[in-house]
Protein backbone atom coordinates (compact mmCIF):
# COMPACT_ATOMS: atom_id res chain seq x y z
CA SER A 1 59.34 26.10 115.85
CA SER A 2 59.69 29.17 117.91
CA THR A 3 57.13 31.62 119.43
CA ILE A 4 58.95 34.73 118.32
CA GLY A 5 56.17 35.47 115.88
CA ASN A 6 53.66 36.22 118.68
CA LYS A 7 56.39 38.08 120.73
CA LYS A 8 56.42 35.55 123.57
CA GLN A 9 60.10 35.05 122.93
CA GLN A 10 62.76 37.59 121.89
CA LEU A 11 65.53 36.75 119.45
CA VAL A 12 68.31 36.36 122.11
CA GLU A 13 66.08 34.16 124.32
CA TYR A 14 65.39 31.87 121.34
CA ALA A 15 68.96 31.50 120.40
CA GLU A 16 69.93 30.78 124.01
CA ARG A 17 67.32 28.13 124.36
CA LEU A 18 68.78 26.45 121.23
CA SER A 19 72.24 26.70 122.78
CA ASP A 20 71.04 25.02 125.98
CA GLU A 21 69.37 22.24 124.06
CA TYR A 22 72.52 21.74 122.02
CA ALA A 23 74.72 21.67 125.20
CA LYS A 24 72.47 19.12 126.89
CA SER A 25 72.52 16.67 123.93
CA HIS A 26 76.39 16.98 123.06
CA ASN A 27 79.33 15.79 125.06
CA ALA A 28 80.82 18.54 127.17
CA THR A 29 84.38 17.14 126.69
CA VAL A 30 83.93 17.43 122.88
CA ARG A 31 82.52 20.94 123.17
CA LYS A 32 85.51 21.95 125.37
CA SER A 33 88.01 20.57 122.88
CA ARG A 34 86.34 22.79 120.18
CA GLY A 35 86.50 25.80 122.49
CA GLN A 36 82.69 26.14 122.45
CA VAL A 37 81.45 28.41 125.18
CA PHE A 38 77.93 29.82 124.69
CA THR A 39 77.23 33.39 125.57
CA PRO A 40 74.52 34.04 128.31
CA GLN A 41 71.73 36.40 127.09
CA GLN A 42 72.68 39.21 129.59
CA VAL A 43 76.28 39.25 128.35
CA SER A 44 75.07 39.11 124.70
CA ARG A 45 72.86 42.09 125.13
CA PHE A 46 75.43 44.07 127.01
CA MET A 47 77.98 43.46 124.12
CA ALA A 48 75.49 44.39 121.36
CA ASN A 49 74.43 47.57 123.24
CA MET A 50 78.04 48.80 123.13
CA PHE A 51 77.90 49.42 119.50
CA ASP A 52 77.08 52.91 118.13
CA ILE A 53 75.11 52.27 115.08
CA ARG A 54 74.96 55.41 112.89
CA LYS A 55 74.99 53.80 109.32
CA ASN A 56 72.13 52.63 107.26
CA ASN A 57 74.03 50.08 105.27
CA ILE A 58 75.69 47.64 107.72
CA ARG A 59 77.91 44.54 107.21
CA LEU A 60 78.16 42.47 110.43
CA LEU A 61 80.74 39.69 111.08
CA ASP A 62 80.19 37.03 113.70
CA PRO A 63 83.38 34.96 113.28
CA GLY A 64 82.46 32.10 115.67
CA ALA A 65 78.72 32.24 115.58
CA GLY A 66 77.50 29.11 117.45
CA THR A 67 73.82 29.27 117.51
CA GLY A 68 73.85 33.08 116.70
CA VAL A 69 73.07 34.49 120.13
CA LEU A 70 75.40 37.46 119.59
CA THR A 71 73.99 38.23 116.17
CA ALA A 72 70.53 37.99 117.61
CA ALA A 73 71.53 40.50 120.30
CA PHE A 74 72.87 42.86 117.59
CA CYS A 75 69.48 42.42 115.73
CA GLU A 76 67.66 43.24 118.88
CA HIS A 77 69.70 46.40 119.24
CA ILE A 78 68.65 47.43 115.78
CA LEU A 79 65.05 46.76 116.61
CA GLY A 80 65.31 49.00 119.60
CA SER A 81 66.43 51.92 117.52
CA ASP A 82 64.56 54.25 115.15
CA LYS A 83 66.99 53.76 112.32
CA LYS A 84 66.00 51.55 109.30
CA VAL A 85 68.94 49.57 108.08
CA ASP A 86 70.07 47.32 105.22
CA LEU A 87 71.97 44.61 107.11
CA THR A 88 74.20 41.85 105.74
CA ILE A 89 75.30 39.20 108.29
CA ASP A 90 78.29 36.96 107.75
CA ALA A 91 78.31 34.16 110.37
CA TYR A 92 81.16 31.72 110.51
CA GLU A 93 80.46 28.27 111.96
CA ASN A 94 82.27 25.01 111.04
CA ASP A 95 80.47 22.54 113.45
CA SER A 96 77.90 20.96 111.23
CA ASN A 97 75.88 19.97 114.23
CA ILE A 98 75.29 23.67 115.20
CA ILE A 99 74.57 24.94 111.79
CA PRO A 100 70.91 23.96 111.51
CA LEU A 101 70.34 25.94 114.82
CA LEU A 102 72.28 28.94 113.58
CA LYS A 103 70.16 29.01 110.47
CA ALA A 104 67.01 28.86 112.54
CA VAL A 105 68.09 31.80 114.54
CA LEU A 106 69.23 33.84 111.60
CA GLU A 107 65.91 33.16 109.80
CA GLU A 108 64.11 34.54 112.90
CA CYS A 109 66.30 37.58 112.88
CA LYS A 110 65.55 38.17 109.20
CA THR A 111 61.80 37.77 109.78
CA GLU A 112 61.57 40.09 112.76
CA LEU A 113 63.73 42.81 111.19
CA GLU A 114 62.04 42.68 107.89
CA ALA A 115 58.59 42.78 109.62
CA SER A 116 59.83 46.16 111.18
CA GLY A 117 60.89 47.59 107.78
CA HIS A 118 64.56 46.61 107.67
CA ARG A 119 66.37 44.63 104.98
CA VAL A 120 68.35 41.61 105.90
CA ASN A 121 70.63 39.17 104.10
CA TYR A 122 72.63 36.54 105.84
CA HIS A 123 75.36 34.02 104.95
CA ILE A 124 76.46 31.08 106.99
CA ILE A 125 80.10 30.31 106.04
CA LYS A 126 80.98 26.73 106.90
CA GLN A 127 84.66 27.33 106.97
CA ASP A 128 87.54 27.74 109.51
CA PHE A 129 87.46 31.53 110.12
CA ILE A 130 91.25 31.83 110.40
CA ILE A 131 92.20 29.76 107.33
CA HIS A 132 89.39 31.18 105.15
CA ASN A 133 90.47 34.79 105.80
CA GLN A 134 94.24 34.53 106.07
CA GLY A 135 94.58 36.78 102.93
CA HIS A 136 93.65 39.70 105.23
CA PHE A 137 96.70 39.11 107.41
CA GLY A 138 100.33 39.62 106.38
CA GLU A 139 101.70 40.22 102.95
CA PRO A 140 100.48 38.09 99.96
CA ASP A 141 103.17 35.93 98.49
CA MET A 142 103.83 34.92 94.92
CA PHE A 143 101.64 31.85 95.29
CA SER A 144 98.60 33.57 96.76
CA LYS A 145 95.89 35.09 94.59
CA PRO A 146 93.76 36.99 96.98
CA GLY A 147 90.27 38.09 95.72
CA PRO A 148 88.51 41.25 96.84
CA LEU A 149 88.62 41.46 100.54
CA ILE A 150 85.40 42.04 102.47
CA LEU A 151 85.46 44.62 105.23
CA TYR A 152 82.96 44.99 108.02
CA ASP A 153 81.33 47.76 109.86
CA PHE A 154 80.86 45.69 113.10
CA VAL A 155 82.34 42.56 114.49
CA ILE A 156 80.89 40.77 117.49
CA SER A 157 82.40 37.56 119.01
CA ASN A 158 82.81 35.18 121.79
CA PRO A 159 85.72 33.34 120.09
CA PRO A 160 86.74 29.86 120.86
CA TYR A 161 89.39 29.38 123.55
CA TYR A 162 92.06 26.75 123.19
CA LYS A 163 95.83 26.38 122.86
CA LEU A 164 97.34 25.55 119.40
CA ASN A 165 100.51 24.09 118.26
CA LYS A 166 102.99 26.36 116.52
CA ASP A 167 102.82 24.22 113.33
CA SER A 168 98.96 24.26 113.13
CA PRO A 169 97.59 25.76 109.91
CA GLN A 170 96.08 28.65 111.94
CA SER A 171 99.47 29.38 113.58
CA ILE A 172 101.27 29.32 110.20
CA ALA A 173 98.62 31.65 108.80
CA MET A 174 99.12 34.08 111.71
CA SER A 175 102.76 33.60 112.11
CA ASP A 176 103.47 37.37 112.37
CA ILE A 177 101.88 37.39 115.79
CA VAL A 178 103.05 33.93 117.09
CA SER A 179 105.44 34.12 120.06
CA GLY A 180 105.37 31.09 122.42
CA GLN A 181 102.19 29.02 122.86
CA PRO A 182 99.42 30.47 120.69
CA ASN A 183 95.74 30.58 121.62
CA ILE A 184 93.09 30.57 119.04
CA TYR A 185 91.09 33.53 120.66
CA LYS A 186 94.08 35.82 119.95
CA PHE A 187 94.03 34.94 116.26
CA PHE A 188 90.27 35.67 116.06
CA MET A 189 90.89 39.11 117.60
CA ALA A 190 93.85 40.02 115.43
CA LEU A 191 92.18 38.87 112.20
CA SER A 192 88.94 40.68 112.91
CA VAL A 193 90.78 43.98 113.46
CA THR A 194 92.25 43.72 109.97
CA MET A 195 88.67 43.07 108.58
CA LEU A 196 87.14 46.16 109.92
CA ARG A 197 86.35 49.28 107.68
CA GLN A 198 87.85 52.55 108.63
CA GLY A 199 85.84 53.66 111.72
CA GLY A 200 84.48 50.14 112.28
CA GLN A 201 83.63 48.77 115.72
CA MET A 202 84.49 45.40 117.32
CA VAL A 203 83.22 43.94 120.53
CA PHE A 204 84.67 40.76 121.90
CA ILE A 205 84.50 38.87 125.14
CA THR A 206 87.79 37.24 125.98
CA PRO A 207 90.14 36.48 128.88
CA ARG A 208 92.54 39.19 129.93
CA SER A 209 95.60 37.16 129.23
CA PHE A 210 96.35 39.11 126.03
CA CYS A 211 97.06 42.16 128.20
CA SER A 212 100.26 40.78 129.55
CA GLY A 213 102.91 38.11 129.08
CA LEU A 214 105.42 37.26 126.31
CA TYR A 215 102.97 34.91 124.40
CA PHE A 216 100.84 37.97 123.52
CA LYS A 217 103.68 40.50 122.94
CA LYS A 218 103.61 40.64 119.16
CA PHE A 219 99.82 40.73 119.21
CA ARG A 220 99.83 43.82 121.52
């Protein structure tokens, strides 16, 4: 259990502590192969504070949530404002070992925000973010039957970082922007852009490699 209830811990610090505990108990090589890099609390808060929140009804996407430190930072940002919001959080995480930690963090976010007069609903989506949302990207074909597409007001992400084969399911789903060796973080960025509402805002922390080079030309 956390000590958030008596204010000795803030949401981001709680999420970071769970990240540290997870990292200590799980093989670093395995985490690297999955592209898992947890975001320090200073960076998380810096990212969340870049958002200009002017709406009362908000849908937030965290496409590679981990333990939820970025979502926690977004919730702290809301708690620091005077605005009362109705917040829906969609958090993607397909590592079953992390999901209980993510759920604990999102429960704390919900508890803290609702204690301050906000309304919060969250969904943990245990799917591959790219494959699950490929209907947002490219033109539907005669075999696809896309349902109503969900759009977001805000997206915050520290996406996974690793190279993919051109014949991977993710590369096939995002074939319109594949040129050369694809990297998963580029797919997260490109897909998230298509999932934003008009006027939506997106904050990612990524390498600068997408700014130059042939591999990222179609993406740019």
